Amino acid sequence: MPSPLVLIPTYDERGNLPSFVSAVRSALPGADILVIDDNSPDGTGALADEIAGEDIHVQVLHRDKKEGLGRAYLAGFAWALERDYSHVFEIDADFSHNPKDLPRLLEATENADVALGCRWMPGGGVSGWPWSRLALSRFGNLYARLILGAPYRDLTGGFKCFRREALETLGLNKIRSVGYGFQIETTWRALQRGLCVVEVPIHFTDRTVGVSKMSGQTFKEAFVLVWRLRLGRS
């Protein structure tokens, strides 16, 4: 019987990876895990190989260089679709997304094609961010929502569950976003294709180990992307 696959993109996540993989395996024992490492200088990829060598449910996809979150996820989606998986998850390796929420997202796809972890709805929230980052995230989501006319409250969130059929429908080969704009684009494409997308409240906790990969370029890409999507130039 097909099982779910949890995609964990990594770049310098050696300090988080062992405990995070363990938490994912505990939360969703029936799922496989694919660590997608972008040639991390800190040896995350080698550590992932060690973990995979001890657990048949863990696989590793090594990429030559860091090309952005979107490229990593697209590689993971392609890997998943070449195999017999029923659902595919996106999740951050730094514990900002709680692995205990994985079953809730999976359950939500019983009546939907895509489940989005949402920080900005009743039951959701954020811990550990300064007011400036909170304001930027709220503004960014509102901006994207208004320009695209999309009903979702957390278009930039990166904790998602896709049914296999949804990924096969999105037109993954046409996605060009490389940063967090990738999250906006995949949800927009799901909406455009008439897929059922639901939001599930989650609590986001800022990382305590490692360094955030967020940059000014990330927000710049997303700012321009929403207009390209709105005007049909993606």
Protein backbone atom coordinates (compact mmCIF):
# COMPACT_ATOMS: atom_id res chain seq x y z
CA MET A 1 0.00 0.00 0.00
CA PRO A 2 1.42 3.45 -0.91
CA SER A 3 2.81 5.43 2.00
CA PRO A 4 3.45 9.16 2.61
CA LEU A 5 6.85 10.75 2.00
CA VAL A 6 8.24 13.60 4.10
CA LEU A 7 10.68 15.88 2.27
CA ILE A 8 13.32 17.55 4.46
CA PRO A 9 15.53 20.01 2.54
CA THR A 10 18.80 20.75 4.35
CA TYR A 11 21.70 23.16 4.18
CA ASP A 12 23.95 23.25 7.23
CA GLU A 13 21.44 21.50 9.49
CA ARG A 14 23.82 19.01 11.12
CA GLY A 15 22.86 20.18 14.61
CA ASN A 16 19.14 19.57 14.01
CA LEU A 17 18.98 16.59 11.69
CA PRO A 18 19.26 13.52 13.97
CA SER A 19 16.65 14.71 16.47
CA PHE A 20 14.41 16.06 13.72
CA VAL A 21 14.39 12.83 11.74
CA SER A 22 13.64 10.96 14.96
CA ALA A 23 10.73 13.31 15.71
CA VAL A 24 9.28 12.86 12.22
CA ARG A 25 9.59 9.07 12.44
CA SER A 26 7.85 9.13 15.82
CA ALA A 27 5.02 11.40 14.66
CA LEU A 28 4.34 9.52 11.40
CA PRO A 29 5.78 5.99 11.71
CA GLY A 30 4.27 4.81 8.43
CA ALA A 31 6.01 7.49 6.34
CA ASP A 32 9.32 7.48 4.54
CA ILE A 33 11.71 10.43 4.73
CA LEU A 34 13.80 11.98 1.96
CA VAL A 35 16.56 14.30 3.12
CA ILE A 36 17.46 16.66 0.25
CA ASP A 37 20.90 18.07 0.97
CA ASP A 38 22.42 20.88 -1.09
CA ASN A 39 26.06 19.92 -0.46
CA SER A 40 26.11 21.39 3.05
CA PRO A 41 29.59 22.57 4.09
CA ASP A 42 28.97 21.36 7.67
CA GLY A 43 28.62 17.71 6.61
CA THR A 44 24.84 17.43 6.93
CA GLY A 45 24.74 15.21 3.84
CA ALA A 46 27.23 12.72 5.25
CA LEU A 47 25.33 12.61 8.54
CA ALA A 48 22.10 12.01 6.63
CA ASP A 49 23.76 9.04 4.91
CA GLU A 50 24.68 7.62 8.32
CA ILE A 51 21.09 7.97 9.51
CA ALA A 52 19.78 6.37 6.32
CA GLY A 53 22.20 3.49 6.78
CA GLU A 54 20.50 2.66 10.07
CA ASP A 55 16.87 3.24 9.01
CA ILE A 56 15.38 1.81 5.82
CA HIS A 57 12.66 4.47 5.93
CA VAL A 58 15.19 7.28 5.41
CA GLN A 59 16.70 8.12 2.00
CA VAL A 60 19.07 10.91 0.95
CA LEU A 61 19.12 12.95 -2.25
CA HIS A 62 22.45 14.76 -2.71
CA ARG A 63 22.48 17.89 -4.85
CA ASP A 64 25.64 19.56 -6.12
CA LYS A 65 25.01 23.05 -4.78
CA LYS A 66 22.59 25.35 -3.03
CA GLU A 67 20.02 26.60 -5.56
CA GLY A 68 17.17 27.67 -3.32
CA LEU A 69 14.35 25.99 -1.45
CA GLY A 70 12.13 25.74 -4.50
CA ARG A 71 14.71 23.84 -6.55
CA ALA A 72 15.27 21.43 -3.65
CA TYR A 73 11.57 20.72 -3.30
CA LEU A 74 11.08 20.27 -7.04
CA ALA A 75 13.86 17.67 -7.01
CA GLY A 76 12.12 15.97 -4.10
CA PHE A 77 8.75 16.03 -5.85
CA ALA A 78 10.26 14.45 -8.96
CA TRP A 79 11.91 11.76 -6.81
CA ALA A 80 8.59 11.04 -5.09
CA LEU A 81 6.58 10.83 -8.32
CA GLU A 82 9.03 8.28 -9.70
CA ARG A 83 8.02 6.07 -6.78
CA ASP A 84 4.77 4.84 -5.29
CA TYR A 85 3.96 7.46 -2.63
CA SER A 86 0.41 8.54 -1.78
CA HIS A 87 1.21 11.92 -0.18
CA VAL A 88 4.20 14.25 -0.07
CA PHE A 89 5.00 16.66 2.77
CA GLU A 90 7.08 19.81 2.90
CA ILE A 91 8.62 20.61 6.30
CA ASP A 92 11.56 22.66 7.63
CA ALA A 93 14.40 20.79 9.33
CA ASP A 94 14.88 23.34 12.13
CA PHE A 95 11.84 22.46 14.30
CA SER A 96 10.06 25.68 13.32
CA HIS A 97 7.40 23.27 12.06
CA ASN A 98 6.35 20.77 14.71
CA PRO A 99 6.51 17.18 13.40
CA LYS A 100 3.60 16.34 15.72
CA ASP A 101 1.38 18.28 13.30
CA LEU A 102 2.15 15.91 10.40
CA PRO A 103 -0.80 13.57 11.16
CA ARG A 104 -3.18 16.55 11.26
CA LEU A 105 -2.12 17.70 7.80
CA LEU A 106 -2.38 14.15 6.47
CA GLU A 107 -5.87 13.80 7.93
CA ALA A 108 -6.93 17.08 6.32
CA THR A 109 -6.17 15.66 2.86
CA GLU A 110 -8.85 13.00 3.30
CA ASN A 111 -11.25 15.65 1.96
CA ALA A 112 -8.79 17.94 0.16
CA ASP A 113 -5.99 17.82 -2.38
CA VAL A 114 -3.57 20.06 -0.49
CA ALA A 115 -3.29 20.94 3.22
CA LEU A 116 -1.46 24.13 4.23
CA GLY A 117 -0.11 24.67 7.73
CA CYS A 118 -1.42 28.13 8.66
CA ARG A 119 0.09 30.46 11.27
CA TRP A 120 -2.43 33.24 10.80
CA MET A 121 -5.75 31.66 11.75
CA PRO A 122 -7.47 30.80 15.05
CA GLY A 123 -5.44 28.06 16.72
CA GLY A 124 -2.24 29.03 14.89
CA GLY A 125 0.57 31.37 15.88
CA VAL A 126 4.26 32.23 15.94
CA SER A 127 6.84 32.19 18.75
CA GLY A 128 10.30 33.73 18.87
CA TRP A 129 10.00 36.38 16.16
CA PRO A 130 10.66 40.09 16.72
CA TRP A 131 7.76 42.40 15.93
CA SER A 132 9.47 43.52 12.70
CA ARG A 133 9.50 40.01 11.25
CA LEU A 134 5.95 39.36 12.42
CA ALA A 135 4.81 42.53 10.68
CA LEU A 136 6.71 41.66 7.51
CA SER A 137 5.19 38.18 7.35
CA ARG A 138 1.66 39.43 7.99
CA PHE A 139 2.06 42.18 5.39
CA GLY A 140 3.58 39.78 2.85
CA ASN A 141 0.71 37.33 3.18
CA LEU A 142 -1.92 40.07 3.01
CA TYR A 143 -0.20 41.59 -0.03
CA ALA A 144 -0.08 38.24 -1.87
CA ARG A 145 -3.65 37.44 -0.91
CA LEU A 146 -5.00 40.77 -2.20
CA ILE A 147 -3.04 40.79 -5.46
CA LEU A 148 -3.86 37.18 -6.31
CA GLY A 149 -7.40 37.20 -4.97
CA ALA A 150 -6.58 34.00 -3.10
CA PRO A 151 -8.61 33.10 0.01
CA TYR A 152 -5.71 31.60 1.98
CA ARG A 153 -4.22 33.30 5.03
CA ASP A 154 -0.72 31.83 4.91
CA LEU A 155 0.45 31.78 1.30
CA THR A 156 4.13 31.95 2.29
CA GLY A 157 4.03 29.05 4.76
CA GLY A 158 6.26 26.07 4.05
CA PHE A 159 4.51 23.27 5.97
CA LYS A 160 2.31 21.43 3.46
CA CYS A 161 0.87 18.08 2.49
CA PHE A 162 0.06 17.25 -1.13
CA ARG A 163 -1.88 14.29 -2.38
CA ARG A 164 0.06 12.58 -5.15
CA GLU A 165 -2.61 13.49 -7.69
CA ALA A 166 -2.25 17.16 -6.77
CA LEU A 167 1.48 17.16 -7.55
CA GLU A 168 0.79 15.44 -10.86
CA THR A 169 -1.66 18.25 -11.71
CA LEU A 170 0.40 21.32 -10.77
CA GLY A 171 2.68 21.48 -13.82
CA LEU A 172 5.87 21.30 -11.77
CA ASN A 173 8.09 21.72 -14.83
CA LYS A 174 6.75 25.27 -15.27
CA ILE A 175 7.58 26.50 -11.75
CA ARG A 176 10.43 29.04 -11.75
CA SER A 177 10.46 30.33 -8.15
CA VAL A 178 13.53 29.40 -6.15
CA GLY A 179 12.96 30.99 -2.72
CA TYR A 180 9.88 31.31 -0.52
CA GLY A 181 7.97 32.57 -3.54
CA PHE A 182 7.85 28.88 -4.41
CA GLN A 183 5.29 28.41 -1.63
CA ILE A 184 3.07 31.12 -3.09
CA GLU A 185 3.38 29.72 -6.59
CA THR A 186 2.51 26.11 -5.72
CA THR A 187 -0.62 27.17 -3.82
CA TRP A 188 -1.60 29.54 -6.64
CA ARG A 189 -1.20 26.78 -9.20
CA ALA A 190 -3.35 24.47 -7.08
CA LEU A 191 -6.04 27.15 -6.95
CA GLN A 192 -5.85 27.77 -10.70
CA ARG A 193 -6.29 24.07 -11.41
CA GLY A 194 -9.39 23.82 -9.29
CA LEU A 195 -7.84 21.72 -6.56
CA CYS A 196 -9.28 21.72 -3.06
CA VAL A 197 -6.87 23.49 -0.67
CA VAL A 198 -7.50 23.68 3.08
CA GLU A 199 -5.63 25.44 5.88
CA VAL A 200 -4.77 23.73 9.15
CA PRO A 201 -3.74 25.83 12.18
CA ILE A 202 -0.12 25.31 13.25
CA HIS A 203 2.21 27.01 15.71
CA PHE A 204 5.51 28.16 14.21
CA THR A 205 8.54 28.38 16.51
CA ASP A 206 11.66 30.22 15.40
CA ARG A 207 14.77 28.06 15.14
CA THR A 208 17.10 27.75 18.15
CA VAL A 209 19.92 25.84 16.40
CA GLY A 210 21.62 26.96 13.17
CA VAL A 211 21.13 30.05 11.05
CA SER A 212 18.03 31.18 9.16
CA LYS A 213 18.31 30.99 5.34
CA MET A 214 15.86 33.88 4.87
CA SER A 215 17.27 36.90 3.00
CA GLY A 216 16.18 40.19 1.48
CA GLN A 217 16.30 38.57 -1.94
CA THR A 218 13.68 36.08 -0.73
CA PHE A 219 11.16 38.85 -0.11
CA LYS A 220 12.07 40.67 -3.29
CA GLU A 221 11.39 37.56 -5.35
CA ALA A 222 8.01 37.03 -3.69
CA PHE A 223 7.06 40.71 -4.18
CA VAL A 224 7.60 40.49 -7.94
CA LEU A 225 6.26 36.96 -8.27
CA VAL A 226 2.71 37.74 -7.20
CA TRP A 227 2.36 40.25 -10.05
CA ARG A 228 3.82 37.79 -12.55
CA LEU A 229 1.31 35.17 -11.41
CA ARG A 230 -1.56 37.67 -11.47
CA LEU A 231 -0.68 38.74 -15.00
CA GLY A 232 -0.12 35.17 -16.18
CA ARG A 233 3.63 35.51 -16.73
CA SER A 234 4.90 32.82 -14.35
